[in-house]
Amino acid sequence: MAARSAIPARRSRLLAPEPGWTAYADTVVVGSGIAGLTAALAARHAGSVLLVTKAQLADGSTRWAQGGIAAALGVGDTPEAHLADTLTAGAGLCDTEAVRTLVNGGPAAVRRLIDRGFQFDTAEDGAIALTREGGHHADRILHAGGDATGAEVSRALLARLDQLLDKIEVIERALVLDLLRDAEGRAAGITLHVMGEGARDGVGAIRSRAVVLATGGLGQVFRATTNPSVATGDGVALALRAGARVADLEFVQFHPTVLWLGDGARGQQPLISEAVRGEGAFLVDAKGERFMPAMHPMGDLAPRDIVAKGIMRRAMESGLDHLWLDARHFGEDKWRGRFPTIWESLHEHAIDPVRDLIPVAPAAHYSSGGVLTDRWGHTSIPGLYACGETACTGVHGANRLASNSLLEGLVFAERIGRDLARCFAPGEPVTGEPVADERDPVLLAPTVRSATQQAMSAGAGVLRSATSLTSTARVLEELGEHTDEQPRTEAWEATNLHQIASAMAAVAARREETRGSHWREDYPKQDDTRWRVRQVLSVDANGCTVTEEAVS
């Protein structure tokens, strides 16, 4: 089923100066998290690589990942068991073959990460230490530094990158703007803006045979998120403007246990890893009573959407906007040894988890949707690939299983590298001259960013209804009139966020059911008869089309 939507998105480009410089590479990779770094390292076998990152190399979301990497490496565990847990969490919308690719390729991908210098935590016998998180029926979460897995992943991959800087060029502090395409419609590079002075600064163009989008998440669409400030969905917005197919945007996972800092808190909030509950912490309400065991057989380790909904329901019953996590029984030694990063963060906010309950509330954490790809990272535009949180591989369905994200970045980014090596021979000249871009340019005022975040949190957050989503869409439509004529980073980011928010609110309004991380108060039940479909967006000169496609 396809329908023309009122989503205010169409084939366009960002208003920006003409490129003042040009660079060339066989492959340009945009993003330096686990997916981007892995893709760049793998793509070097297909020729020259230029890696573009928005801030410093280590500033993406990967370094904030606390929980770990899920892989079936434990005694008695199997990829099939991992697959079953992933499908359950995905609430009927996972692509089964994509999940099979993930879980079958996971153990080997983790071993290759170890070969690159990654140092997992080990048990007393020297074996890799494994723990459990929500939705998993086996101990299969590998971690590092207690709760600093992402930081160790980033360190190991960057150390490997440092050894290959003669083959992989890096441009830091560069915001990707738009996709370049040749006369046949293939990706032919990107335009970007380098923020600062140096050999390359200002707006430029990179000509390439392939473009890999690994720009991370879009959590900054909401007022409170675990994502860093750079997570403005630039890759997904670029793909939307270019006409690529984008799917599952309504499924944004709200992490249930984010440190509650008060009503006025904005931007990135401290995460209390699910691994804390995996080690025995539990949620309590205003009376100090546990409530999750009565809501789900897995209790406090139920899938994240179940726990987030449980917190919100119980908090609303008490007229509160947060509840509490109780881990006082851990004692100081366990806190310091297993969760040193969280321990320090809590003390920075005057909370002693050995004596105090930890105030928590759900916050935007991970987007299960993104640029639609196949199992080799291909998008609907030839030569354009996507991986990591920017992509919708079909692995996560309606709700991501805990700790599958880092694994997805590893497995599918490596597959992109193998595909590039099959398609291109190193040393072939970059061909396909970009055609003149006649699309109407767009640019919104920087103030649109905070207003968009406020509207999305109020009406398209954890709790959604036809009334709230209609109100949000109305506000976003009005904000779309706040145009700007001064190209700059703040305006480009605001435009990206608004485009994504408008699409997200529209598809959330269309999906009249509750499924996974999409919770409709006015449609509280899952409707497999009508809605066991994926909503796929694509834009052209006339606007946005939403297609409903069955999942396998």
Protein backbone atom coordinates (compact mmCIF):
# COMPACT_ATOMS: atom_id res chain seq x y z
CA MET A 1 0.00 0.00 0.00
CA ALA A 2 1.38 3.40 -0.95
CA ALA A 3 0.00 6.80 -0.06
CA ARG A 4 1.11 10.36 -0.65
CA SER A 5 1.79 11.92 2.73
CA ALA A 6 1.50 15.46 4.01
CA ILE A 7 5.01 15.20 5.47
CA PRO A 8 6.78 18.48 4.65
CA ALA A 9 9.69 16.79 2.89
CA ARG A 10 10.64 16.73 -0.76
CA ARG A 11 13.71 16.34 -2.91
CA SER A 12 15.82 19.30 -1.88
CA ARG A 13 19.24 20.31 -0.67
CA LEU A 14 20.55 22.46 2.14
CA LEU A 15 21.13 26.10 1.36
CA ALA A 16 24.91 26.42 1.31
CA PRO A 17 27.68 28.24 -0.57
CA GLU A 18 29.16 26.56 -3.62
CA PRO A 19 32.06 24.24 -2.73
CA GLY A 20 35.36 26.07 -2.53
CA TRP A 21 37.56 22.97 -2.66
CA THR A 22 37.39 19.39 -3.92
CA ALA A 23 38.95 16.14 -2.70
CA TYR A 24 38.91 12.65 -4.20
CA ALA A 25 38.68 9.14 -2.74
CA ASP A 26 37.41 5.77 -3.83
CA THR A 27 35.17 5.64 -0.75
CA VAL A 28 34.06 8.39 1.61
CA VAL A 29 32.83 7.25 5.03
CA VAL A 30 30.83 9.73 7.10
CA GLY A 31 31.01 9.05 10.84
CA SER A 32 33.60 7.73 13.32
CA GLY A 33 31.66 5.52 15.69
CA ILE A 34 31.99 1.74 15.67
CA ALA A 35 30.20 1.48 12.31
CA GLY A 36 32.11 4.27 10.58
CA LEU A 37 35.54 3.21 11.84
CA THR A 38 34.88 -0.44 10.98
CA ALA A 39 33.62 0.52 7.52
CA ALA A 40 36.66 2.71 6.87
CA LEU A 41 39.07 -0.02 7.96
CA ALA A 42 37.27 -2.56 5.77
CA ALA A 43 36.92 -0.24 2.76
CA ARG A 44 40.67 0.30 2.47
CA HIS A 45 40.85 -3.03 0.63
CA ALA A 46 38.82 -1.42 -2.16
CA GLY A 47 41.06 1.60 -2.63
CA SER A 48 41.55 4.98 -1.01
CA VAL A 49 39.33 6.01 1.89
CA LEU A 50 38.45 9.44 3.24
CA LEU A 51 36.83 9.39 6.70
CA VAL A 52 34.75 12.42 7.64
CA THR A 53 33.63 13.04 11.21
CA LYS A 54 31.53 15.83 12.66
CA ALA A 55 33.59 16.53 15.77
CA GLN A 56 36.75 14.83 16.97
CA LEU A 57 37.25 11.18 16.03
CA ALA A 58 36.21 9.87 19.45
CA ASP A 59 33.25 12.19 20.05
CA GLY A 60 30.39 10.06 18.68
CA SER A 61 27.85 7.91 20.52
CA THR A 62 30.01 4.76 20.61
CA ARG A 63 32.20 5.92 23.47
CA TRP A 64 29.12 6.44 25.64
CA ALA A 65 27.97 2.82 25.29
CA GLN A 66 28.05 1.28 28.76
CA GLY A 67 26.39 -2.13 28.51
CA GLY A 68 28.42 -4.17 26.05
CA ILE A 69 28.28 -6.26 22.89
CA ALA A 70 25.89 -9.19 22.55
CA ALA A 71 27.26 -12.37 20.97
CA ALA A 72 26.59 -16.07 21.49
CA LEU A 73 29.95 -17.02 22.97
CA GLY A 74 28.88 -18.53 26.29
CA VAL A 75 28.67 -22.22 27.16
CA GLY A 76 25.29 -23.53 26.02
CA ASP A 77 24.38 -20.35 24.16
CA THR A 78 23.75 -20.43 20.41
CA PRO A 79 23.15 -17.98 17.57
CA GLU A 80 19.64 -19.46 17.26
CA ALA A 81 18.89 -18.54 20.87
CA HIS A 82 20.25 -15.03 20.23
CA LEU A 83 18.06 -14.84 17.13
CA ALA A 84 14.97 -15.87 19.11
CA ASP A 85 15.54 -13.16 21.74
CA THR A 86 16.11 -10.54 19.03
CA LEU A 87 12.91 -11.48 17.20
CA THR A 88 10.92 -11.33 20.42
CA ALA A 89 12.20 -7.86 21.25
CA GLY A 90 11.50 -6.69 17.68
CA ALA A 91 7.77 -7.40 18.14
CA GLY A 92 7.13 -8.96 14.75
CA LEU A 93 8.90 -6.42 12.53
CA CYS A 94 12.44 -7.82 12.34
CA ASP A 95 13.81 -9.05 9.03
CA THR A 96 14.57 -12.61 10.09
CA GLU A 97 17.38 -13.13 7.58
CA ALA A 98 19.04 -9.88 8.61
CA VAL A 99 18.91 -11.00 12.23
CA ARG A 100 20.35 -14.38 11.21
CA THR A 101 23.21 -12.56 9.47
CA LEU A 102 23.84 -10.61 12.66
CA VAL A 103 23.82 -13.47 15.16
CA ASN A 104 25.73 -15.91 12.94
CA GLY A 105 28.38 -13.35 12.10
CA GLY A 106 28.58 -11.93 15.62
CA PRO A 107 31.04 -14.30 17.35
CA ALA A 108 33.62 -14.04 14.53
CA ALA A 109 33.23 -10.26 14.36
CA VAL A 110 33.88 -10.00 18.10
CA ARG A 111 36.98 -12.17 17.77
CA ARG A 112 38.29 -9.91 15.00
CA LEU A 113 37.70 -6.94 17.29
CA ILE A 114 39.80 -8.67 19.92
CA ASP A 115 42.51 -9.21 17.31
CA ARG A 116 42.51 -5.43 16.79
CA GLY A 117 43.39 -4.92 20.44
CA PHE A 118 40.01 -4.77 22.17
CA GLN A 119 40.34 -5.83 25.81
CA PHE A 120 37.19 -7.38 27.28
CA ASP A 121 36.71 -7.90 30.99
CA THR A 122 37.56 -11.44 32.06
CA ALA A 123 36.43 -13.79 34.80
CA GLU A 124 38.74 -15.25 37.45
CA ASP A 125 39.57 -18.19 35.17
CA GLY A 126 40.67 -15.85 32.38
CA ALA A 127 37.62 -16.45 30.18
CA ILE A 128 35.67 -13.52 28.80
CA ALA A 129 33.19 -12.31 31.43
CA LEU A 130 29.59 -12.47 30.26
CA THR A 131 26.54 -10.81 31.78
CA ARG A 132 22.86 -10.49 30.96
CA GLU A 133 20.63 -7.57 29.98
CA GLY A 134 16.94 -7.05 29.36
CA GLY A 135 15.34 -9.39 26.82
CA HIS A 136 18.22 -11.90 26.83
CA HIS A 137 17.67 -15.43 28.12
CA ALA A 138 21.40 -16.14 28.37
CA ASP A 139 24.55 -14.46 29.64
CA ARG A 140 25.94 -13.18 26.32
CA ILE A 141 26.91 -9.55 26.97
CA LEU A 142 30.65 -8.92 26.72
CA HIS A 143 31.86 -5.76 28.42
CA ALA A 144 35.03 -3.78 29.05
CA GLY A 145 36.18 -1.53 31.86
CA GLY A 146 33.11 -2.58 33.82
CA ASP A 147 30.74 -0.12 32.17
CA ALA A 148 33.05 1.50 29.61
CA THR A 149 32.65 -0.88 26.67
CA GLY A 150 32.07 1.86 24.12
CA ALA A 151 35.14 3.77 25.21
CA GLU A 152 37.28 0.63 24.81
CA VAL A 153 35.76 -0.11 21.38
CA SER A 154 36.58 3.42 20.28
CA ARG A 155 40.12 3.20 21.67
CA ALA A 156 40.88 -0.10 19.94
CA LEU A 157 39.53 0.97 16.56
CA LEU A 158 41.22 4.37 16.68
CA ALA A 159 44.52 2.71 17.56
CA ARG A 160 44.16 0.55 14.46
CA LEU A 161 43.24 3.60 12.39
CA ASP A 162 46.39 5.37 13.58
CA GLN A 163 48.42 2.57 12.01
CA LEU A 164 46.74 3.10 8.63
CA LEU A 165 46.69 6.87 8.21
CA ASP A 166 48.76 6.46 5.06
CA LYS A 167 45.73 4.66 3.54
CA ILE A 168 42.83 6.40 5.30
CA GLU A 169 42.64 10.18 5.28
CA VAL A 170 40.66 11.84 8.08
CA ILE A 171 38.79 15.15 8.07
CA GLU A 172 37.55 16.15 11.53
CA ARG A 173 35.01 18.80 12.52
CA ALA A 174 33.14 18.44 9.25
CA LEU A 175 29.36 18.45 8.88
CA VAL A 176 28.06 16.49 5.89
CA LEU A 177 25.55 18.50 3.86
CA ASP A 178 24.22 16.71 0.79
CA LEU A 179 24.78 13.80 -1.57
CA LEU A 180 26.34 14.31 -4.99
CA ARG A 181 24.98 12.15 -7.84
CA ASP A 182 26.04 11.57 -11.41
CA ALA A 183 23.92 11.62 -14.56
CA GLU A 184 22.87 8.00 -14.01
CA GLY A 185 21.68 8.70 -10.47
CA ARG A 186 24.59 6.98 -8.69
CA ALA A 187 26.17 8.43 -5.59
CA ALA A 188 29.21 10.43 -6.66
CA GLY A 189 30.33 11.98 -3.36
CA ILE A 190 29.18 14.51 -0.80
CA THR A 191 29.27 18.18 0.02
CA LEU A 192 30.39 19.12 3.50
CA HIS A 193 31.39 22.04 5.67
CA VAL A 194 34.63 21.95 7.63
CA MET A 195 34.28 23.95 10.83
CA GLY A 196 37.60 25.66 11.42
CA GLU A 197 40.71 26.73 9.59
CA GLY A 198 43.24 24.47 7.96
CA ALA A 199 44.23 22.93 4.65
CA ARG A 200 40.52 22.52 3.97
CA ASP A 201 37.88 24.75 5.52
CA GLY A 202 34.43 25.99 4.69
CA VAL A 203 32.15 24.23 2.22
CA GLY A 204 33.79 21.68 -0.05
CA ALA A 205 33.07 18.57 -2.08
CA ILE A 206 34.46 15.03 -1.94
CA ARG A 207 34.22 13.08 -5.17
CA SER A 208 34.02 9.32 -4.69
CA ARG A 209 32.79 6.07 -6.18
CA ALA A 210 30.94 5.10 -3.01
CA VAL A 211 29.50 6.91 0.02
CA VAL A 212 28.99 5.17 3.38
CA LEU A 213 26.69 6.92 5.86
CA ALA A 214 27.51 6.08 9.48
CA THR A 215 26.51 9.34 11.14
CA GLY A 216 24.94 7.73 14.20
CA GLY A 217 21.63 8.53 15.81
CA LEU A 218 19.03 11.26 15.94
CA GLY A 219 18.37 11.52 19.68
CA GLN A 220 18.68 15.31 19.63
CA VAL A 221 15.22 15.36 18.02
CA PHE A 222 13.99 15.13 21.63
CA ARG A 223 14.51 17.41 24.62
CA ALA A 224 16.16 14.72 26.78
CA THR A 225 18.37 12.00 25.32
CA THR A 226 21.40 9.86 26.05
CA ASN A 227 22.89 10.89 22.70
CA PRO A 228 25.69 13.50 22.42
CA SER A 229 24.94 16.93 20.98
CA VAL A 230 26.28 15.93 17.55
CA ALA A 231 23.53 13.28 17.11
CA THR A 232 21.28 15.39 14.89
CA GLY A 233 20.43 12.70 12.33
CA ASP A 234 22.47 14.28 9.56
CA GLY A 235 22.85 11.07 7.53
CA VAL A 236 19.14 10.20 7.62
CA ALA A 237 18.18 13.76 6.71
CA LEU A 238 20.65 13.74 3.81
CA ALA A 239 19.17 10.47 2.57
CA LEU A 240 15.62 11.80 2.82
CA ARG A 241 16.51 14.88 0.78
CA ALA A 242 18.29 12.74 -1.80
CA GLY A 243 15.24 10.49 -2.28
CA ALA A 244 16.61 7.34 -0.60
CA ARG A 245 14.16 4.99 1.09
CA VAL A 246 13.93 5.48 4.86
CA ALA A 247 12.02 3.12 7.17
CA ASP A 248 10.79 2.52 10.73
CA LEU A 249 11.30 6.09 11.94
CA GLU A 250 8.43 5.78 14.43
CA PHE A 251 10.40 3.24 16.45
CA VAL A 252 12.60 5.29 18.76
CA GLN A 253 13.77 3.41 21.81
CA PHE A 254 13.56 5.30 25.07
CA HIS A 255 16.04 3.88 27.53
CA PRO A 256 14.08 3.23 30.71
CA THR A 257 16.78 4.13 33.23
CA VAL A 258 18.29 7.51 32.48
CA LEU A 259 19.33 9.63 35.45
CA TRP A 260 16.52 12.10 36.15
CA LEU A 261 17.99 15.56 36.68
CA GLY A 262 14.78 17.54 37.07
CA ASP A 263 12.13 19.10 34.85
CA GLY A 264 14.52 21.68 33.42
CA ALA A 265 17.16 19.23 32.21
CA ARG A 266 17.92 19.46 28.48
CA GLY A 267 20.20 17.68 26.01
CA GLN A 268 22.39 14.70 26.82
CA GLN A 269 21.51 12.99 30.12
CA PRO A 270 23.58 10.38 32.06
CA LEU A 271 22.65 6.79 31.29
CA ILE A 272 22.26 4.13 33.98
CA SER A 273 23.16 1.03 32.01
CA GLU A 274 20.75 -1.88 31.72
CA ALA A 275 23.65 -3.99 32.95
CA VAL A 276 23.02 -2.51 36.41
CA ARG A 277 19.67 -4.32 36.43
CA GLY A 278 21.39 -7.30 34.86
CA GLU A 279 23.57 -7.47 37.98
CA GLY A 280 20.56 -7.38 40.30
CA ALA A 281 19.31 -3.80 40.69
CA PHE A 282 15.55 -3.30 40.58
CA LEU A 283 12.98 -0.56 40.07
CA VAL A 284 10.77 0.74 42.87
CA ASP A 285 7.83 3.14 43.00
CA ALA A 286 7.00 5.99 45.39
CA LYS A 287 6.14 3.46 48.10
CA GLY A 288 9.47 1.69 47.67
CA GLU A 289 7.74 -1.33 46.16
CA ARG A 290 8.86 -3.35 43.14
CA PHE A 291 6.37 -3.36 40.27
CA MET A 292 8.01 -4.91 37.19
CA PRO A 293 7.63 -8.59 38.28
CA ALA A 294 3.86 -8.16 38.07
CA MET A 295 4.08 -6.63 34.59
CA HIS A 296 6.31 -9.14 32.77
CA PRO A 297 7.74 -12.63 33.36
CA MET A 298 11.28 -11.25 33.06
CA GLY A 299 10.57 -8.55 35.63
CA ASP A 300 13.17 -5.77 35.67
CA LEU A 301 14.97 -7.43 32.75
CA ALA A 302 12.00 -7.30 30.40
CA PRO A 303 12.65 -5.71 26.95
CA ARG A 304 13.28 -2.00 27.15
CA ASP A 305 9.92 -0.87 25.77
CA ILE A 306 8.13 -2.92 28.43
CA VAL A 307 10.24 -1.44 31.22
CA ALA A 308 9.90 2.12 29.90
CA LYS A 309 6.13 1.73 29.69
CA GLY A 310 6.05 0.20 33.16
CA ILE A 311 7.93 3.17 34.63
CA MET A 312 5.71 5.68 32.87
CA ARG A 313 2.49 3.94 33.91
CA ARG A 314 3.46 3.64 37.56
CA ALA A 315 4.83 7.20 37.67
CA MET A 316 1.61 8.60 36.15
CA GLU A 317 -0.47 6.72 38.71
CA SER A 318 1.46 8.55 41.44
CA GLY A 319 1.52 11.92 39.69
CA LEU A 320 5.29 11.70 39.24
CA ASP A 321 7.61 12.09 36.27
CA HIS A 322 10.27 9.67 37.51
CA LEU A 323 10.77 6.59 39.70
CA TRP A 324 13.82 5.01 41.32
CA LEU A 325 16.39 2.29 40.81
CA ASP A 326 17.55 0.45 43.92
CA ALA A 327 21.11 -0.93 43.84
CA ARG A 328 22.10 -0.16 47.41
CA HIS A 329 22.76 -3.82 48.08
CA PHE A 330 25.69 -3.82 45.62
CA GLY A 331 28.00 -2.18 48.11
CA GLU A 332 30.82 0.19 47.24
CA ASP A 333 33.28 -2.44 46.02
CA LYS A 334 30.90 -3.79 43.38
CA TRP A 335 29.88 -0.31 42.27
CA ARG A 336 33.48 0.82 41.87
CA GLY A 337 34.65 -2.40 40.24
CA ARG A 338 31.79 -3.20 37.87
CA PHE A 339 30.34 0.26 37.15
CA PRO A 340 33.11 2.84 37.74
CA THR A 341 31.85 5.27 35.09
CA ILE A 342 28.31 5.32 36.45
CA TRP A 343 29.64 5.52 40.02
CA GLU A 344 31.55 8.69 39.17
CA SER A 345 28.62 10.17 37.27
CA LEU A 346 26.24 9.60 40.16
CA HIS A 347 28.63 11.18 42.65
CA GLU A 348 29.02 14.18 40.35
CA HIS A 349 25.28 14.64 40.83
CA ALA A 350 25.47 14.16 44.62
CA ILE A 351 23.98 10.66 44.58
CA ASP A 352 25.60 7.84 46.56
CA PRO A 353 24.12 4.62 45.11
CA VAL A 354 25.19 2.63 48.18
CA ARG A 355 22.92 4.75 50.37
CA ASP A 356 20.53 6.49 47.95
CA LEU A 357 17.88 5.39 45.52
CA ILE A 358 18.71 6.53 41.97
CA PRO A 359 16.03 8.71 40.34
CA VAL A 360 15.40 7.51 36.77
CA ALA A 361 13.07 8.22 33.86
CA PRO A 362 12.97 7.15 30.20
CA ALA A 363 14.81 9.30 27.63
CA ALA A 364 15.40 9.00 23.89
CA HIS A 365 18.20 6.53 23.35
CA TYR A 366 18.26 4.69 20.02
CA SER A 367 16.54 4.84 16.65
CA SER A 368 15.61 1.42 15.28
CA GLY A 369 14.78 3.02 11.93
CA GLY A 370 16.93 4.84 9.42
CA VAL A 371 18.09 4.58 5.83
CA LEU A 372 16.72 1.29 4.52
CA THR A 373 19.42 -1.18 3.46
CA ASP A 374 19.79 -4.79 2.44
CA ARG A 375 22.18 -7.16 4.22
CA TRP A 376 25.17 -5.70 2.33
CA GLY A 377 24.44 -2.11 3.30
CA HIS A 378 23.06 -1.09 -0.09
CA THR A 379 20.45 1.68 -0.03
CA SER A 380 17.98 2.44 -2.81
CA ILE A 381 20.53 4.81 -4.40
CA PRO A 382 23.35 2.95 -6.21
CA GLY A 383 26.72 3.63 -4.61
CA LEU A 384 25.20 4.88 -1.36
CA TYR A 385 25.62 2.61 1.69
CA ALA A 386 24.52 2.99 5.30
CA CYS A 387 25.41 1.18 8.52
CA GLY A 388 25.12 1.50 12.27
CA GLU A 389 22.32 3.54 13.80
CA THR A 390 21.96 5.54 10.59
CA ALA A 391 20.75 2.41 8.80
CA CYS A 392 17.60 0.35 9.02
CA THR A 393 18.90 -3.16 8.34
CA GLY A 394 15.74 -4.79 9.65
CA VAL A 395 17.63 -6.26 12.62
CA HIS A 396 15.85 -4.28 15.32
CA GLY A 397 12.27 -4.28 14.11
CA ALA A 398 10.04 -2.32 16.48
CA ASN A 399 12.48 -2.41 19.38
CA ARG A 400 16.23 -3.05 19.64
CA LEU A 401 17.40 -5.88 21.87
CA ALA A 402 19.94 -4.61 24.39
CA SER A 403 23.59 -4.57 23.23
CA ASN A 404 22.78 -5.56 19.65
CA SER A 405 23.73 -2.10 18.35
CA LEU A 406 27.51 -2.35 18.69
CA LEU A 407 27.37 -5.82 17.18
CA GLU A 408 25.29 -4.54 14.25
CA GLY A 409 27.86 -1.83 13.61
CA LEU A 410 30.63 -4.41 13.47
CA VAL A 411 28.92 -7.04 11.35
CA PHE A 412 27.25 -4.90 8.71
CA ALA A 413 30.11 -2.40 8.32
CA GLU A 414 32.48 -5.28 7.62
CA ARG A 415 30.04 -6.59 5.01
CA ILE A 416 30.04 -3.19 3.29
CA GLY A 417 33.82 -3.41 3.07
CA ARG A 418 33.62 -6.84 1.46
CA ASP A 419 31.00 -5.62 -1.00
CA LEU A 420 33.14 -2.63 -1.99
CA ALA A 421 36.09 -4.94 -2.60
CA ARG A 422 33.93 -7.05 -4.91
CA CYS A 423 32.61 -4.04 -6.82
CA PHE A 424 35.73 -1.92 -7.24
CA ALA A 425 39.34 -2.57 -8.08
CA PRO A 426 41.82 -0.39 -6.18
CA GLY A 427 43.34 2.33 -8.29
CA GLU A 428 40.47 2.74 -10.74
CA PRO A 429 39.85 6.44 -11.36
CA VAL A 430 36.88 8.12 -9.71
CA THR A 431 34.40 8.66 -12.52
CA GLY A 432 30.86 9.91 -12.80
CA GLU A 433 30.94 13.70 -12.87
CA PRO A 434 28.28 15.08 -10.50
CA VAL A 435 25.40 16.76 -12.30
CA ALA A 436 24.32 20.28 -11.46
CA ASP A 437 21.98 20.24 -8.45
CA GLU A 438 18.79 22.06 -9.39
CA ARG A 439 16.83 21.06 -6.29
CA ASP A 440 15.30 23.88 -4.28
CA PRO A 441 17.53 24.71 -1.29
CA VAL A 442 16.10 24.69 2.24
CA LEU A 443 17.36 26.24 5.47
CA LEU A 444 15.57 26.86 8.77
CA ALA A 445 16.52 29.20 11.58
CA PRO A 446 18.68 27.85 14.44
CA THR A 447 15.87 28.57 16.93
CA VAL A 448 13.84 25.81 15.26
CA ARG A 449 16.04 23.21 16.99
CA SER A 450 14.88 23.77 20.58
CA ALA A 451 11.27 24.31 19.51
CA THR A 452 11.34 21.04 17.57
CA GLN A 453 12.76 19.20 20.58
CA GLN A 454 10.07 20.60 22.84
CA ALA A 455 7.26 19.67 20.44
CA MET A 456 8.56 16.14 19.90
CA SER A 457 9.03 15.41 23.61
CA ALA A 458 5.57 16.75 24.40
CA GLY A 459 3.66 14.85 21.73
CA ALA A 460 5.80 12.14 20.11
CA GLY A 461 7.84 10.81 23.01
CA VAL A 462 7.17 7.73 25.12
CA LEU A 463 3.44 8.52 25.29
CA ARG A 464 1.69 9.14 21.97
CA SER A 465 -1.90 9.61 20.81
CA ALA A 466 -3.74 11.03 17.82
CA THR A 467 -4.30 14.25 19.76
CA SER A 468 -0.67 14.67 20.81
CA LEU A 469 0.71 13.78 17.39
CA THR A 470 -1.68 16.13 15.62
CA SER A 471 -0.59 18.93 17.92
CA THR A 472 3.08 18.11 17.29
CA ALA A 473 2.58 18.04 13.52
CA ARG A 474 0.86 21.43 13.67
CA VAL A 475 3.76 22.96 15.61
CA LEU A 476 6.31 21.43 13.23
CA GLU A 477 4.44 22.77 10.21
CA GLU A 478 4.54 26.26 11.70
CA LEU A 479 8.24 25.91 12.50
CA GLY A 480 8.86 24.98 8.86
CA GLU A 481 8.02 28.56 7.96
CA HIS A 482 10.92 29.93 10.04
CA THR A 483 13.42 30.04 7.21
CA ASP A 484 16.90 31.52 7.26
CA GLU A 485 19.24 32.90 4.62
CA GLN A 486 22.50 32.61 6.55
CA PRO A 487 24.08 29.16 6.08
CA ARG A 488 25.87 27.97 9.22
CA THR A 489 26.18 24.83 11.33
CA GLU A 490 23.37 25.71 13.73
CA ALA A 491 20.92 26.31 10.89
CA TRP A 492 21.90 23.13 9.01
CA GLU A 493 21.46 21.04 12.16
CA ALA A 494 18.10 22.64 12.93
CA THR A 495 16.94 21.90 9.38
CA ASN A 496 18.03 18.26 9.65
CA LEU A 497 16.26 17.79 12.98
CA HIS A 498 13.06 19.38 11.72
CA GLN A 499 12.98 17.21 8.61
CA ILE A 500 13.42 14.03 10.63
CA ALA A 501 10.95 15.10 13.30
CA SER A 502 8.28 15.89 10.70
CA ALA A 503 8.67 12.46 9.11
CA MET A 504 8.75 10.69 12.46
CA ALA A 505 5.61 12.39 13.77
CA ALA A 506 3.73 11.63 10.56
CA VAL A 507 4.49 7.90 10.46
CA ALA A 508 3.83 7.62 14.21
CA ALA A 509 0.38 9.12 13.60
CA ARG A 510 -0.27 6.65 10.77
CA ARG A 511 0.60 3.58 12.87
CA GLU A 512 -2.60 3.13 14.87
CA GLU A 513 -1.42 0.44 17.26
CA THR A 514 1.05 -0.11 20.09
CA ARG A 515 4.09 -2.15 19.06
CA GLY A 516 7.59 -2.27 20.51
CA SER A 517 8.89 1.19 21.27
CA HIS A 518 5.86 2.84 19.62
CA TRP A 519 3.21 3.30 22.32
CA ARG A 520 -0.17 4.73 21.34
CA GLU A 521 -2.42 5.47 24.32
CA ASP A 522 -5.47 5.53 22.04
CA TYR A 523 -4.52 2.21 20.39
CA PRO A 524 -3.06 0.19 23.28
CA LYS A 525 -2.98 -3.18 21.52
CA GLN A 526 -0.72 -4.67 18.87
CA ASP A 527 -2.60 -5.18 15.59
CA ASP A 528 -0.87 -7.83 13.47
CA THR A 529 -3.74 -8.00 10.99
CA ARG A 530 -3.33 -4.38 9.91
CA TRP A 531 0.08 -3.25 11.08
CA ARG A 532 2.60 -6.06 10.77
CA VAL A 533 4.19 -3.93 8.06
CA ARG A 534 7.12 -1.59 7.72
CA GLN A 535 6.46 2.04 6.82
CA VAL A 536 8.93 3.15 4.15
CA LEU A 537 9.29 6.81 3.20
CA SER A 538 10.69 8.27 0.01
CA VAL A 539 10.53 11.79 -1.34
CA ASP A 540 10.46 13.28 -4.79
CA ALA A 541 9.71 16.69 -6.30
CA ASN A 542 6.05 16.35 -5.32
CA GLY A 543 6.50 15.42 -1.69
CA CYS A 544 6.72 12.30 0.43
CA THR A 545 5.28 8.87 -0.23
CA VAL A 546 4.76 6.30 2.54
CA THR A 547 4.69 2.66 1.45
CA GLU A 548 3.61 -0.16 3.72
CA GLU A 549 5.70 -3.27 3.12
CA ALA A 550 5.41 -6.73 4.65
CA VAL A 551 8.33 -8.07 6.69
CA SER A 552 9.74 -11.58 6.39
